[in-house]
Amino acid sequence: MKHRITNENEVISWEGFETEKAEIRLAAVEINESYKALQGACGLTDTMLAGVVGRGVRERVFGQNAPLDRAVRATLALRELTTELVSKRDFNYYLIHCEWSPIFDPSKENCERCDKLRKEVASGKHSNHQYDS
């Protein structure tokens, strides 16, 4: 049976962490711009682009294509920053996710979903430490 666990030290607001918030946003903007540059250089569909960048992230092979290198490095940077904030500094994952997600998908539906998630995070509904195993 899983039991709810709370962590009163979990960061659930950007208040006092404006620098970290800006870093997340900058990383997301760089991914967006690098994907557009790669798409322009290679003419890939969004699905193909995600696959090529995903493979680059997994294999970490650089030097074959400058736009691809940029997209892979940007993706790795956001992943590493997220991992650092969640694993080592106890930021709530959804707080971070809802900061970069609307940059990638600015649709009304996604922005509304992120607004709802932010409220749930603030209320303690979504915690990194929500359940034990």
N, C-alpha and C. Protein backbone atom coordinates (compact mmCIF):
# COMPACT_ATOMS: atom_id res chain seq x y z
N MET A 1 0.84 -1.18 0.00
CA MET A 1 0.00 0.00 0.00
C MET A 1 0.88 1.24 0.00
N LYS A 2 0.47 2.22 -0.75
CA LYS A 2 1.22 3.47 -0.80
C LYS A 2 0.64 4.46 0.19
N HIS A 3 1.51 5.18 0.86
CA HIS A 3 1.10 6.17 1.84
C HIS A 3 1.53 7.55 1.37
N ARG A 4 0.67 8.51 1.58
CA ARG A 4 0.98 9.88 1.19
C ARG A 4 2.11 10.42 2.07
N ILE A 5 3.09 11.02 1.41
CA ILE A 5 4.22 11.62 2.11
C ILE A 5 4.25 13.09 1.74
N THR A 6 4.46 13.94 2.69
CA THR A 6 4.61 15.36 2.39
C THR A 6 6.01 15.79 2.77
N ASN A 7 6.47 16.82 2.13
CA ASN A 7 7.78 17.37 2.42
C ASN A 7 7.61 18.87 2.55
N GLU A 8 7.67 19.36 3.77
CA GLU A 8 7.42 20.78 4.01
C GLU A 8 8.51 21.66 3.43
N ASN A 9 9.65 21.09 3.00
CA ASN A 9 10.73 21.87 2.41
C ASN A 9 10.66 21.95 0.90
N GLU A 10 9.71 21.26 0.29
CA GLU A 10 9.60 21.27 -1.16
C GLU A 10 9.27 22.67 -1.66
N VAL A 11 9.97 23.12 -2.69
CA VAL A 11 9.75 24.45 -3.26
C VAL A 11 8.54 24.38 -4.19
N ILE A 12 7.48 25.13 -3.85
CA ILE A 12 6.25 25.09 -4.63
C ILE A 12 5.88 26.46 -5.19
N SER A 13 6.80 27.41 -5.09
CA SER A 13 6.56 28.76 -5.59
C SER A 13 7.89 29.32 -6.10
N TRP A 14 7.80 30.19 -7.09
CA TRP A 14 9.01 30.84 -7.60
C TRP A 14 9.43 32.04 -6.75
N GLU A 15 8.63 32.39 -5.75
CA GLU A 15 8.97 33.53 -4.90
C GLU A 15 10.34 33.31 -4.24
N GLY A 16 11.25 34.25 -4.50
CA GLY A 16 12.60 34.13 -3.98
C GLY A 16 13.52 33.32 -4.89
N PHE A 17 12.97 32.75 -5.95
CA PHE A 17 13.75 31.92 -6.88
C PHE A 17 13.59 32.44 -8.32
N GLU A 18 13.58 33.75 -8.46
CA GLU A 18 13.38 34.36 -9.78
C GLU A 18 14.50 34.00 -10.75
N THR A 19 15.73 33.86 -10.25
CA THR A 19 16.86 33.49 -11.11
C THR A 19 16.65 32.10 -11.70
N GLU A 20 16.23 31.15 -10.87
CA GLU A 20 15.99 29.79 -11.34
C GLU A 20 14.84 29.76 -12.36
N LYS A 21 13.80 30.55 -12.09
CA LYS A 21 12.67 30.63 -13.02
C LYS A 21 13.15 31.17 -14.37
N ALA A 22 13.97 32.21 -14.34
CA ALA A 22 14.49 32.80 -15.59
C ALA A 22 15.37 31.79 -16.34
N GLU A 23 16.15 31.00 -15.61
CA GLU A 23 16.99 29.98 -16.24
C GLU A 23 16.15 28.93 -16.95
N ILE A 24 15.07 28.50 -16.32
CA ILE A 24 14.16 27.52 -16.93
C ILE A 24 13.56 28.11 -18.20
N ARG A 25 13.08 29.32 -18.12
CA ARG A 25 12.45 29.98 -19.28
C ARG A 25 13.46 30.16 -20.42
N LEU A 26 14.68 30.60 -20.10
CA LEU A 26 15.71 30.78 -21.13
C LEU A 26 16.06 29.46 -21.80
N ALA A 27 16.16 28.40 -21.01
CA ALA A 27 16.46 27.08 -21.57
C ALA A 27 15.33 26.63 -22.52
N ALA A 28 14.10 26.88 -22.13
CA ALA A 28 12.96 26.50 -22.98
C ALA A 28 12.92 27.31 -24.27
N VAL A 29 13.21 28.60 -24.17
CA VAL A 29 13.25 29.45 -25.37
C VAL A 29 14.36 28.97 -26.30
N GLU A 30 15.52 28.62 -25.75
CA GLU A 30 16.63 28.12 -26.57
C GLU A 30 16.24 26.82 -27.28
N ILE A 31 15.54 25.95 -26.60
CA ILE A 31 15.07 24.72 -27.25
C ILE A 31 14.14 25.07 -28.40
N ASN A 32 13.18 25.93 -28.14
CA ASN A 32 12.24 26.33 -29.19
C ASN A 32 12.96 26.90 -30.40
N GLU A 33 13.87 27.82 -30.17
CA GLU A 33 14.60 28.46 -31.27
C GLU A 33 15.49 27.46 -32.00
N SER A 34 16.15 26.58 -31.26
CA SER A 34 17.04 25.61 -31.89
C SER A 34 16.25 24.59 -32.71
N TYR A 35 15.07 24.21 -32.24
CA TYR A 35 14.22 23.29 -33.00
C TYR A 35 13.77 23.95 -34.31
N LYS A 36 13.40 25.22 -34.23
CA LYS A 36 12.97 25.93 -35.45
C LYS A 36 14.13 26.03 -36.44
N ALA A 37 15.33 26.31 -35.95
CA ALA A 37 16.50 26.39 -36.82
C ALA A 37 16.79 25.03 -37.46
N LEU A 38 16.69 23.98 -36.67
CA LEU A 38 16.93 22.63 -37.19
C LEU A 38 15.87 22.26 -38.21
N GLN A 39 14.64 22.59 -37.92
CA GLN A 39 13.57 22.28 -38.86
C GLN A 39 13.78 23.04 -40.18
N GLY A 40 14.20 24.29 -40.08
CA GLY A 40 14.48 25.07 -41.28
C GLY A 40 15.65 24.51 -42.08
N ALA A 41 16.66 24.00 -41.39
CA ALA A 41 17.85 23.47 -42.06
C ALA A 41 17.60 22.10 -42.68
N CYS A 42 16.75 21.31 -42.04
CA CYS A 42 16.58 19.92 -42.47
C CYS A 42 15.21 19.62 -43.06
N GLY A 43 14.23 20.48 -42.81
CA GLY A 43 12.89 20.24 -43.33
C GLY A 43 12.17 19.07 -42.71
N LEU A 44 12.48 18.74 -41.47
CA LEU A 44 11.84 17.61 -40.80
C LEU A 44 10.48 17.99 -40.24
N THR A 45 9.58 17.00 -40.16
CA THR A 45 8.31 17.21 -39.48
C THR A 45 8.59 17.27 -37.98
N ASP A 46 7.61 17.74 -37.21
CA ASP A 46 7.79 17.82 -35.75
C ASP A 46 8.10 16.46 -35.15
N THR A 47 7.42 15.42 -35.62
CA THR A 47 7.64 14.07 -35.09
C THR A 47 9.05 13.59 -35.41
N MET A 48 9.47 13.79 -36.65
CA MET A 48 10.83 13.38 -37.04
C MET A 48 11.87 14.16 -36.26
N LEU A 49 11.62 15.44 -36.08
CA LEU A 49 12.52 16.30 -35.35
C LEU A 49 12.69 15.81 -33.91
N ALA A 50 11.59 15.49 -33.27
CA ALA A 50 11.65 14.98 -31.89
C ALA A 50 12.46 13.68 -31.83
N GLY A 51 12.28 12.83 -32.80
CA GLY A 51 13.03 11.57 -32.83
C GLY A 51 14.52 11.78 -33.03
N VAL A 52 14.89 12.66 -33.94
CA VAL A 52 16.30 12.93 -34.21
C VAL A 52 16.96 13.57 -32.99
N VAL A 53 16.29 14.54 -32.38
CA VAL A 53 16.86 15.19 -31.20
C VAL A 53 16.92 14.20 -30.03
N GLY A 54 15.86 13.41 -29.87
CA GLY A 54 15.87 12.40 -28.81
C GLY A 54 17.02 11.43 -28.95
N ARG A 55 17.29 11.01 -30.17
CA ARG A 55 18.42 10.11 -30.41
C ARG A 55 19.74 10.83 -30.07
N GLY A 56 19.84 12.09 -30.45
CA GLY A 56 21.03 12.86 -30.12
C GLY A 56 21.25 12.99 -28.63
N VAL A 57 20.15 13.16 -27.90
CA VAL A 57 20.23 13.25 -26.43
C VAL A 57 20.72 11.93 -25.85
N ARG A 58 20.18 10.83 -26.35
CA ARG A 58 20.58 9.51 -25.84
C ARG A 58 22.04 9.19 -26.15
N GLU A 59 22.44 9.47 -27.40
CA GLU A 59 23.78 9.07 -27.85
C GLU A 59 24.84 10.12 -27.59
N ARG A 60 24.44 11.37 -27.44
CA ARG A 60 25.36 12.48 -27.18
C ARG A 60 26.53 12.52 -28.17
N VAL A 61 26.16 12.40 -29.43
CA VAL A 61 27.15 12.50 -30.51
C VAL A 61 27.03 13.90 -31.10
N PHE A 62 28.13 14.64 -31.12
CA PHE A 62 28.11 16.01 -31.62
C PHE A 62 29.08 16.16 -32.78
N GLY A 63 28.90 17.25 -33.53
CA GLY A 63 29.84 17.59 -34.58
C GLY A 63 29.41 17.22 -35.99
N GLN A 64 28.25 16.58 -36.13
CA GLN A 64 27.80 16.18 -37.46
C GLN A 64 26.90 17.22 -38.10
N ASN A 65 26.18 17.99 -37.28
CA ASN A 65 25.22 18.95 -37.80
C ASN A 65 25.04 20.04 -36.74
N ALA A 66 25.44 21.26 -37.07
CA ALA A 66 25.41 22.36 -36.08
C ALA A 66 24.01 22.64 -35.54
N PRO A 67 22.96 22.72 -36.37
CA PRO A 67 21.62 22.94 -35.80
C PRO A 67 21.17 21.79 -34.89
N LEU A 68 21.54 20.57 -35.25
CA LEU A 68 21.19 19.43 -34.40
C LEU A 68 21.95 19.50 -33.08
N ASP A 69 23.23 19.83 -33.15
CA ASP A 69 24.03 19.98 -31.92
C ASP A 69 23.39 21.00 -30.99
N ARG A 70 22.96 22.12 -31.55
CA ARG A 70 22.35 23.18 -30.75
C ARG A 70 21.07 22.67 -30.07
N ALA A 71 20.23 21.97 -30.82
CA ALA A 71 18.97 21.46 -30.27
C ALA A 71 19.23 20.42 -29.18
N VAL A 72 20.19 19.55 -29.41
CA VAL A 72 20.52 18.51 -28.41
C VAL A 72 21.09 19.16 -27.15
N ARG A 73 22.01 20.08 -27.31
CA ARG A 73 22.60 20.75 -26.14
C ARG A 73 21.54 21.53 -25.35
N ALA A 74 20.62 22.17 -26.06
CA ALA A 74 19.56 22.91 -25.38
C ALA A 74 18.65 21.96 -24.60
N THR A 75 18.32 20.84 -25.21
CA THR A 75 17.46 19.85 -24.55
C THR A 75 18.16 19.28 -23.32
N LEU A 76 19.44 18.95 -23.47
CA LEU A 76 20.20 18.44 -22.32
C LEU A 76 20.30 19.48 -21.21
N ALA A 77 20.46 20.74 -21.58
CA ALA A 77 20.57 21.80 -20.58
C ALA A 77 19.30 21.90 -19.75
N LEU A 78 18.13 21.86 -20.41
CA LEU A 78 16.87 21.92 -19.66
C LEU A 78 16.71 20.69 -18.78
N ARG A 79 17.05 19.53 -19.31
CA ARG A 79 16.93 18.30 -18.52
C ARG A 79 17.84 18.34 -17.30
N GLU A 80 19.08 18.78 -17.50
CA GLU A 80 20.03 18.85 -16.38
C GLU A 80 19.61 19.89 -15.35
N LEU A 81 19.11 21.02 -15.81
CA LEU A 81 18.64 22.05 -14.88
C LEU A 81 17.44 21.54 -14.09
N THR A 82 16.52 20.89 -14.76
CA THR A 82 15.35 20.33 -14.08
C THR A 82 15.78 19.29 -13.04
N THR A 83 16.68 18.40 -13.43
CA THR A 83 17.17 17.37 -12.52
C THR A 83 17.83 17.99 -11.30
N GLU A 84 18.65 19.00 -11.53
CA GLU A 84 19.32 19.71 -10.43
C GLU A 84 18.30 20.31 -9.47
N LEU A 85 17.32 21.01 -10.01
CA LEU A 85 16.33 21.69 -9.16
C LEU A 85 15.45 20.70 -8.41
N VAL A 86 15.04 19.63 -9.07
CA VAL A 86 14.14 18.66 -8.43
C VAL A 86 14.90 17.76 -7.46
N SER A 87 15.99 17.17 -7.92
CA SER A 87 16.70 16.16 -7.13
C SER A 87 17.56 16.73 -6.01
N LYS A 88 18.20 17.85 -6.29
CA LYS A 88 19.16 18.36 -5.32
C LYS A 88 18.67 19.56 -4.53
N ARG A 89 17.67 20.28 -5.08
CA ARG A 89 17.21 21.49 -4.40
C ARG A 89 15.75 21.41 -4.00
N ASP A 90 15.13 20.28 -4.28
CA ASP A 90 13.77 19.96 -3.84
C ASP A 90 12.68 20.88 -4.40
N PHE A 91 12.85 21.31 -5.66
CA PHE A 91 11.78 22.03 -6.34
C PHE A 91 10.73 21.02 -6.78
N ASN A 92 9.49 21.43 -6.77
CA ASN A 92 8.42 20.59 -7.26
C ASN A 92 8.53 20.48 -8.79
N TYR A 93 8.48 19.25 -9.29
CA TYR A 93 8.63 19.02 -10.73
C TYR A 93 7.57 19.78 -11.53
N TYR A 94 6.34 19.76 -11.07
CA TYR A 94 5.26 20.39 -11.83
C TYR A 94 5.39 21.91 -11.86
N LEU A 95 5.98 22.49 -10.83
CA LEU A 95 6.27 23.93 -10.84
C LEU A 95 7.17 24.25 -12.03
N ILE A 96 8.20 23.44 -12.22
CA ILE A 96 9.13 23.63 -13.32
C ILE A 96 8.46 23.32 -14.65
N HIS A 97 7.77 22.20 -14.72
CA HIS A 97 7.09 21.80 -15.95
C HIS A 97 6.14 22.88 -16.45
N CYS A 98 5.40 23.47 -15.55
CA CYS A 98 4.42 24.48 -15.93
C CYS A 98 5.07 25.82 -16.29
N GLU A 99 6.34 25.94 -16.07
CA GLU A 99 7.05 27.14 -16.51
C GLU A 99 7.50 27.00 -17.96
N TRP A 100 8.00 25.80 -18.33
CA TRP A 100 8.49 25.63 -19.70
C TRP A 100 7.44 25.13 -20.67
N SER A 101 6.46 24.40 -20.22
CA SER A 101 5.48 23.81 -21.12
C SER A 101 4.74 24.82 -22.00
N PRO A 102 4.26 25.94 -21.47
CA PRO A 102 3.58 26.91 -22.34
C PRO A 102 4.50 27.57 -23.38
N ILE A 103 5.78 27.53 -23.15
CA ILE A 103 6.72 28.05 -24.15
C ILE A 103 6.74 27.12 -25.36
N PHE A 104 6.69 25.81 -25.10
CA PHE A 104 6.67 24.83 -26.19
C PHE A 104 5.30 24.73 -26.84
N ASP A 105 4.27 24.82 -26.02
CA ASP A 105 2.89 24.68 -26.52
C ASP A 105 2.05 25.79 -25.91
N PRO A 106 1.96 26.94 -26.60
CA PRO A 106 1.22 28.08 -26.05
C PRO A 106 -0.29 28.01 -26.29
N SER A 107 -0.79 26.83 -26.62
CA SER A 107 -2.23 26.72 -26.87
C SER A 107 -3.02 27.05 -25.60
N LYS A 108 -4.23 27.51 -25.79
CA LYS A 108 -5.10 27.88 -24.67
C LYS A 108 -5.28 26.69 -23.72
N GLU A 109 -5.47 25.51 -24.29
CA GLU A 109 -5.70 24.31 -23.48
C GLU A 109 -4.50 24.00 -22.59
N ASN A 110 -3.30 24.08 -23.17
CA ASN A 110 -2.10 23.79 -22.38
C ASN A 110 -1.88 24.84 -21.30
N CYS A 111 -2.09 26.10 -21.63
CA CYS A 111 -1.92 27.17 -20.62
C CYS A 111 -2.92 27.00 -19.49
N GLU A 112 -4.16 26.64 -19.81
CA GLU A 112 -5.17 26.41 -18.77
C GLU A 112 -4.80 25.21 -17.91
N ARG A 113 -4.27 24.15 -18.55
CA ARG A 113 -3.86 22.96 -17.79
C ARG A 113 -2.73 23.32 -16.84
N CYS A 114 -1.77 24.12 -17.31
CA CYS A 114 -0.65 24.52 -16.45
C CYS A 114 -1.12 25.43 -15.32
N ASP A 115 -2.06 26.33 -15.59
CA ASP A 115 -2.62 27.18 -14.52
C ASP A 115 -3.26 26.32 -13.44
N LYS A 116 -4.01 25.31 -13.87
CA LYS A 116 -4.66 24.40 -12.91
C LYS A 116 -3.60 23.64 -12.10
N LEU A 117 -2.58 23.14 -12.79
CA LEU A 117 -1.51 22.42 -12.09
C LEU A 117 -0.78 23.31 -11.09
N ARG A 118 -0.52 24.56 -11.46
CA ARG A 118 0.14 25.48 -10.53
C ARG A 118 -0.66 25.64 -9.24
N LYS A 119 -1.97 25.78 -9.38
CA LYS A 119 -2.84 25.91 -8.19
C LYS A 119 -2.80 24.64 -7.36
N GLU A 120 -2.79 23.48 -8.02
CA GLU A 120 -2.73 22.22 -7.29
C GLU A 120 -1.39 22.04 -6.58
N VAL A 121 -0.32 22.47 -7.22
CA VAL A 121 1.00 22.41 -6.59
C VAL A 121 1.01 23.29 -5.34
N ALA A 122 0.50 24.51 -5.48
CA ALA A 122 0.47 25.45 -4.35
C ALA A 122 -0.34 24.89 -3.18
N SER A 123 -1.35 24.09 -3.49
CA SER A 123 -2.19 23.52 -2.43
C SER A 123 -1.61 22.23 -1.87
N GLY A 124 -0.51 21.75 -2.45
CA GLY A 124 0.11 20.51 -1.97
C GLY A 124 -0.42 19.26 -2.61
N LYS A 125 -1.27 19.39 -3.61
CA LYS A 125 -1.87 18.20 -4.23
C LYS A 125 -0.85 17.39 -5.02
N HIS A 126 0.09 18.06 -5.67
CA HIS A 126 1.12 17.36 -6.45
C HIS A 126 2.47 17.59 -5.82
N SER A 127 3.03 16.55 -5.25
CA SER A 127 4.33 16.65 -4.58
C SER A 127 5.29 15.64 -5.18
N ASN A 128 6.57 15.97 -5.23
CA ASN A 128 7.58 15.01 -5.65
C ASN A 128 7.62 13.83 -4.70
N HIS A 129 7.20 14.06 -3.47
CA HIS A 129 7.29 13.05 -2.41
C HIS A 129 5.91 12.55 -2.02
N GLN A 130 5.02 12.52 -2.99
CA GLN A 130 3.61 12.24 -2.68
C GLN A 130 3.38 10.84 -2.13
N TYR A 131 4.09 9.87 -2.67
CA TYR A 131 3.85 8.48 -2.24
C TYR A 131 5.17 7.78 -1.98
N ASP A 132 5.14 6.89 -1.00
CA ASP A 132 6.29 6.00 -0.83
C ASP A 132 5.99 4.73 -1.61
N SER A 133 6.94 3.85 -1.70
CA SER A 133 6.70 2.63 -2.48
C SER A 133 6.43 1.43 -1.60
